[in-house]
C-alpha atoms as a PDB file:
ATOM      1  CA  MET A   1      74.393 106.303 -57.888  1.00  0.00           C
ATOM      2  CA  ARG A   2      73.227 109.369 -59.029  1.00  0.00           C
ATOM      3  CA  ARG A   3      72.859 112.526 -56.629  1.00  0.00           C
ATOM      4  CA  GLU A   4      68.649 112.482 -56.591  1.00  0.00           C
ATOM      5  CA  ASP A   5      69.078 108.750 -55.285  1.00  0.00           C
ATOM      6  CA  VAL A   6      71.104 109.663 -52.665  1.00  0.00           C
ATOM      7  CA  PRO A   7      69.130 109.230 -48.836  1.00  0.00           C
ATOM      8  CA  ASP A   8      69.289 113.075 -47.672  1.00  0.00           C
ATOM      9  CA  GLY A   9      70.535 111.314 -44.470  1.00  0.00           C
ATOM     10  CA  LEU A  10      73.568 110.922 -46.172  1.00  0.00           C
ATOM     11  CA  ALA A  11      73.754 113.574 -48.771  1.00  0.00           C
ATOM     12  CA  ASN A  12      73.148 116.114 -46.342  1.00  0.00           C
ATOM     13  CA  ARG A  13      75.345 114.550 -43.508  1.00  0.00           C
ATOM     14  CA  GLU A  14      78.085 116.954 -42.215  1.00  0.00           C
ATOM     15  CA  ALA A  15      81.833 116.087 -42.553  1.00  0.00           C
ATOM     16  CA  VAL A  16      83.741 115.744 -39.244  1.00  0.00           C
ATOM     17  CA  GLU A  17      86.537 118.079 -39.494  1.00  0.00           C
ATOM     18  CA  PHE A  18      90.289 117.258 -37.722  1.00  0.00           C
ATOM     19  CA  ALA A  19      93.065 119.113 -36.941  1.00  0.00           C
ATOM     20  CA  VAL A  20      96.232 119.276 -39.388  1.00  0.00           C
ATOM     21  CA  THR A  21      99.090 117.249 -38.286  1.00  0.00           C
ATOM     22  CA  GLN A  22     102.281 117.481 -39.897  1.00  0.00           C
ATOM     23  CA  PRO A  23     104.350 114.003 -40.795  1.00  0.00           C
ATOM     24  CA  VAL A  24     107.266 113.166 -38.841  1.00  0.00           C
ATOM     25  CA  ALA A  25     110.318 111.673 -40.084  1.00  0.00           C
ATOM     26  CA  GLY A  26     110.911 108.020 -39.465  1.00  0.00           C
ATOM     27  CA  VAL A  27     112.941 105.079 -40.177  1.00  0.00           C
ATOM     28  CA  PRO A  28     112.987 104.000 -44.101  1.00  0.00           C
ATOM     29  CA  LEU A  29     110.341 102.053 -46.137  1.00  0.00           C
ATOM     30  CA  ASN A  30     112.398  98.978 -46.067  1.00  0.00           C
ATOM     31  CA  GLU A  31     112.880  98.763 -41.864  1.00  0.00           C
ATOM     32  CA  ARG A  32     109.474  99.568 -41.026  1.00  0.00           C
ATOM     33  CA  ARG A  33     107.117  97.157 -39.011  1.00  0.00           C
ATOM     34  CA  VAL A  34     103.712  97.280 -41.406  1.00  0.00           C
ATOM     35  CA  ALA A  35     100.176  96.820 -40.572  1.00  0.00           C
ATOM     36  CA  LEU A  36      97.015  96.876 -42.027  1.00  0.00           C
ATOM     37  CA  ILE A  37      93.663  98.764 -41.149  1.00  0.00           C
ATOM     38  CA  SER A  38      90.359  97.622 -43.142  1.00  0.00           C
ATOM     39  CA  THR A  39      86.932  99.433 -43.021  1.00  0.00           C
ATOM     40  CA  ALA A  40      85.468  96.228 -44.245  1.00  0.00           C
ATOM     41  CA  GLY A  41      84.041  94.698 -41.306  1.00  0.00           C
ATOM     42  CA  LEU A  42      86.569  91.848 -40.936  1.00  0.00           C
ATOM     43  CA  MET A  43      86.798  89.436 -38.448  1.00  0.00           C
ATOM     44  CA  HIS A  44      88.135  85.756 -37.326  1.00  0.00           C
ATOM     45  CA  ARG A  45      85.544  82.926 -37.288  1.00  0.00           C
ATOM     46  CA  GLY A  46      83.879  83.005 -33.753  1.00  0.00           C
ATOM     47  CA  ASP A  47      84.594  86.708 -33.594  1.00  0.00           C
ATOM     48  CA  LYS A  48      81.428  88.797 -32.327  1.00  0.00           C
ATOM     49  CA  PRO A  49      79.696  90.257 -35.763  1.00  0.00           C
ATOM     50  CA  PHE A  50      80.052  93.906 -36.206  1.00  0.00           C
ATOM     51  CA  SER A  51      76.564  96.061 -35.108  1.00  0.00           C
ATOM     52  CA  ILE A  52      75.007  98.966 -36.886  1.00  0.00           C
ATOM     53  CA  GLY A  53      76.965 101.992 -35.741  1.00  0.00           C
ATOM     54  CA  ALA A  54      79.695  99.746 -34.263  1.00  0.00           C
ATOM     55  CA  THR A  55      82.776 102.192 -33.139  1.00  0.00           C
ATOM     56  CA  ASP A  56      85.005  99.037 -32.394  1.00  0.00           C
ATOM     57  CA  TYR A  57      87.291  97.378 -34.596  1.00  0.00           C
ATOM     58  CA  ARG A  58      88.189  93.451 -34.942  1.00  0.00           C
ATOM     59  CA  ILE A  59      92.075  92.677 -34.261  1.00  0.00           C
ATOM     60  CA  LEU A  60      93.235  90.083 -36.820  1.00  0.00           C
ATOM     61  CA  ASP A  61      95.845  88.020 -35.423  1.00  0.00           C
ATOM     62  CA  MET A  62      98.486  86.630 -38.465  1.00  0.00           C
ATOM     63  CA  GLU A  63      98.807  83.456 -36.496  1.00  0.00           C
ATOM     64  CA  SER A  64      95.589  82.509 -35.971  1.00  0.00           C
ATOM     65  CA  ASP A  65      94.489  79.366 -37.960  1.00  0.00           C
ATOM     66  CA  GLU A  66      90.672  80.498 -37.868  1.00  0.00           C
ATOM     67  CA  ASP A  67      89.222  82.404 -41.237  1.00  0.00           C
ATOM     68  CA  ILE A  68      89.061  85.688 -41.967  1.00  0.00           C
ATOM     69  CA  LEU A  69      85.053  86.686 -42.306  1.00  0.00           C
ATOM     70  CA  MET A  70      83.441  90.064 -43.643  1.00  0.00           C
ATOM     71  CA  SER A  71      80.578  90.883 -41.264  1.00  0.00           C
ATOM     72  CA  HIS A  72      79.428  94.355 -43.518  1.00  0.00           C
ATOM     73  CA  ILE A  73      76.051  94.963 -42.260  1.00  0.00           C
ATOM     74  CA  SER A  74      75.097  96.674 -45.390  1.00  0.00           C
ATOM     75  CA  THR A  75      72.780  94.483 -47.529  1.00  0.00           C
ATOM     76  CA  ASN A  76      73.911  96.317 -50.597  1.00  0.00           C
ATOM     77  CA  PHE A  77      77.607  95.896 -49.964  1.00  0.00           C
ATOM     78  CA  ASP A  78      79.196  93.656 -52.754  1.00  0.00           C
ATOM     79  CA  ARG A  79      81.165  90.874 -50.858  1.00  0.00           C
ATOM     80  CA  SER A  80      81.649  88.827 -54.258  1.00  0.00           C
ATOM     81  CA  GLY A  81      85.376  90.415 -54.592  1.00  0.00           C
ATOM     82  CA  PHE A  82      86.109  89.377 -51.171  1.00  0.00           C
ATOM     83  CA  VAL A  83      85.091  85.978 -51.381  1.00  0.00           C
ATOM     84  CA  GLN A  84      87.365  85.397 -54.760  1.00  0.00           C
ATOM     85  CA  ASP A  85      90.623  86.889 -53.142  1.00  0.00           C
ATOM     86  CA  GLN A  86      90.517  88.241 -49.615  1.00  0.00           C
ATOM     87  CA  ASN A  87      93.209  90.431 -50.548  1.00  0.00           C
ATOM     88  CA  ILE A  88      90.766  93.046 -51.735  1.00  0.00           C
ATOM     89  CA  ALA A  89      89.538  94.102 -48.149  1.00  0.00           C
ATOM     90  CA  MET A  90      92.699  92.951 -46.416  1.00  0.00           C
ATOM     91  CA  PRO A  91      95.855  92.284 -48.571  1.00  0.00           C
ATOM     92  CA  LEU A  92      97.839  90.573 -45.980  1.00  0.00           C
ATOM     93  CA  ASP A  93      99.365  88.287 -48.851  1.00  0.00           C
ATOM     94  CA  ARG A  94     100.559  91.638 -51.030  1.00  0.00           C
ATOM     95  CA  LEU A  95     102.377  92.703 -47.686  1.00  0.00           C
ATOM     96  CA  THR A  96     103.971  89.585 -46.810  1.00  0.00           C
ATOM     97  CA  GLU A  97     105.555  89.573 -50.554  1.00  0.00           C
ATOM     98  CA  LYS A  98     106.575  93.273 -49.814  1.00  0.00           C
ATOM     99  CA  ALA A  99     108.220  91.842 -46.658  1.00  0.00           C
ATOM    100  CA  ALA A 100     110.152  88.851 -48.568  1.00  0.00           C
ATOM    101  CA  SER A 101     111.296  91.166 -51.569  1.00  0.00           C
ATOM    102  CA  GLY A 102     112.926  93.818 -48.777  1.00  0.00           C
ATOM    103  CA  GLU A 103     110.416  96.417 -49.629  1.00  0.00           C
ATOM    104  CA  ILE A 104     109.252  96.735 -46.294  1.00  0.00           C
ATOM    105  CA  GLY A 105     111.033  95.755 -42.772  1.00  0.00           C
ATOM    106  CA  SER A 106     108.614  93.042 -41.367  1.00  0.00           C
ATOM    107  CA  VAL A 107     104.819  92.644 -41.167  1.00  0.00           C
ATOM    108  CA  ALA A 108     103.054  93.344 -38.061  1.00  0.00           C
ATOM    109  CA  ARG A 109     101.151  90.155 -36.495  1.00  0.00           C
ATOM    110  CA  TYR A 110      98.021  91.923 -35.733  1.00  0.00           C
ATOM    111  CA  HIS A 111      95.901  94.172 -37.921  1.00  0.00           C
ATOM    112  CA  TYR A 112      92.939  95.679 -37.638  1.00  0.00           C
ATOM    113  CA  SER A 113      89.440  96.234 -39.572  1.00  0.00           C
ATOM    114  CA  PHE A 114      86.447  98.528 -38.722  1.00  0.00           C
ATOM    115  CA  MET A 115      83.003  98.942 -40.026  1.00  0.00           C
ATOM    116  CA  GLY A 116      83.125 101.268 -42.360  1.00  0.00           C
ATOM    117  CA  ALA A 117      79.858 102.768 -42.388  1.00  0.00           C
ATOM    118  CA  SER A 118      80.396 104.059 -38.371  1.00  0.00           C
ATOM    119  CA  SER A 119      80.964 107.767 -37.998  1.00  0.00           C
ATOM    120  CA  PRO A 120      84.302 108.989 -37.160  1.00  0.00           C
ATOM    121  CA  ASP A 121      83.440 111.207 -34.418  1.00  0.00           C
ATOM    122  CA  THR A 122      82.666 108.686 -32.144  1.00  0.00           C
ATOM    123  CA  MET A 123      85.756 106.824 -32.298  1.00  0.00           C
ATOM    124  CA  GLN A 124      88.341 107.937 -30.481  1.00  0.00           C
ATOM    125  CA  GLN A 125      88.176 105.699 -27.542  1.00  0.00           C
ATOM    126  CA  ALA A 126      88.907 102.759 -30.314  1.00  0.00           C
ATOM    127  CA  ALA A 127      91.147 104.771 -31.877  1.00  0.00           C
ATOM    128  CA  GLU A 128      93.277 106.085 -28.538  1.00  0.00           C
ATOM    129  CA  GLN A 129      93.418 101.964 -27.964  1.00  0.00           C
ATOM    130  CA  LEU A 130      94.379 100.915 -31.303  1.00  0.00           C
ATOM    131  CA  ALA A 131      97.438 103.178 -31.312  1.00  0.00           C
ATOM    132  CA  LYS A 132      98.367 101.192 -28.259  1.00  0.00           C
ATOM    133  CA  ASN A 133      98.162  98.299 -29.887  1.00  0.00           C
ATOM    134  CA  LEU A 134     100.802  99.218 -32.741  1.00  0.00           C
ATOM    135  CA  ARG A 135     102.881 101.155 -30.434  1.00  0.00           C
ATOM    136  CA  ASP A 136     103.038  97.517 -28.311  1.00  0.00           C
ATOM    137  CA  ASP A 137     103.350  95.826 -31.662  1.00  0.00           C
ATOM    138  CA  GLU A 138     105.852  97.797 -32.670  1.00  0.00           C
ATOM    139  CA  VAL A 139     104.390  98.830 -35.741  1.00  0.00           C
ATOM    140  CA  ASP A 140     105.915 102.251 -37.603  1.00  0.00           C
ATOM    141  CA  GLY A 141     103.849 101.821 -40.583  1.00  0.00           C
ATOM    142  CA  LEU A 142     100.303 101.844 -41.843  1.00  0.00           C
ATOM    143  CA  ILE A 143      98.006 101.076 -44.800  1.00  0.00           C
ATOM    144  CA  LEU A 144      94.858 102.128 -44.481  1.00  0.00           C
ATOM    145  CA  VAL A 145      92.128  99.775 -46.752  1.00  0.00           C
ATOM    146  CA  PRO A 146      89.230 101.691 -47.582  1.00  0.00           C
ATOM    147  CA  VAL A 147      86.104  99.502 -48.245  1.00  0.00           C
END
């Protein structure tokens, strides 16, 4: 997309500033329990679809028999890659392979998806709840899958 084609509402949007936090030491990668967080607006069949400006997330349960669907709200969002291979937006198969090979300790039961078009400065409450969920599931490694 050319710069002049970007709508003013997006082109002139101020970026949110976040405090710098220093990384902390942790267990080796081959001992970590890893979860994925996607911004592709994913959900299980039957979950509430995302709405415009959604600041919440959906929980993707590895033990669920329900299909994973994409409810991304943008009509311009290209879903063809996801239809061909869901690992494009939520690489659960690749993560499971990493656990099987011993590169990571284990795969978390729960993974998460947000609507990527949402403004991060309005997501504090969801982020705090998600952090609690991750602690409860003993996750100590995350992979962000921006889509």
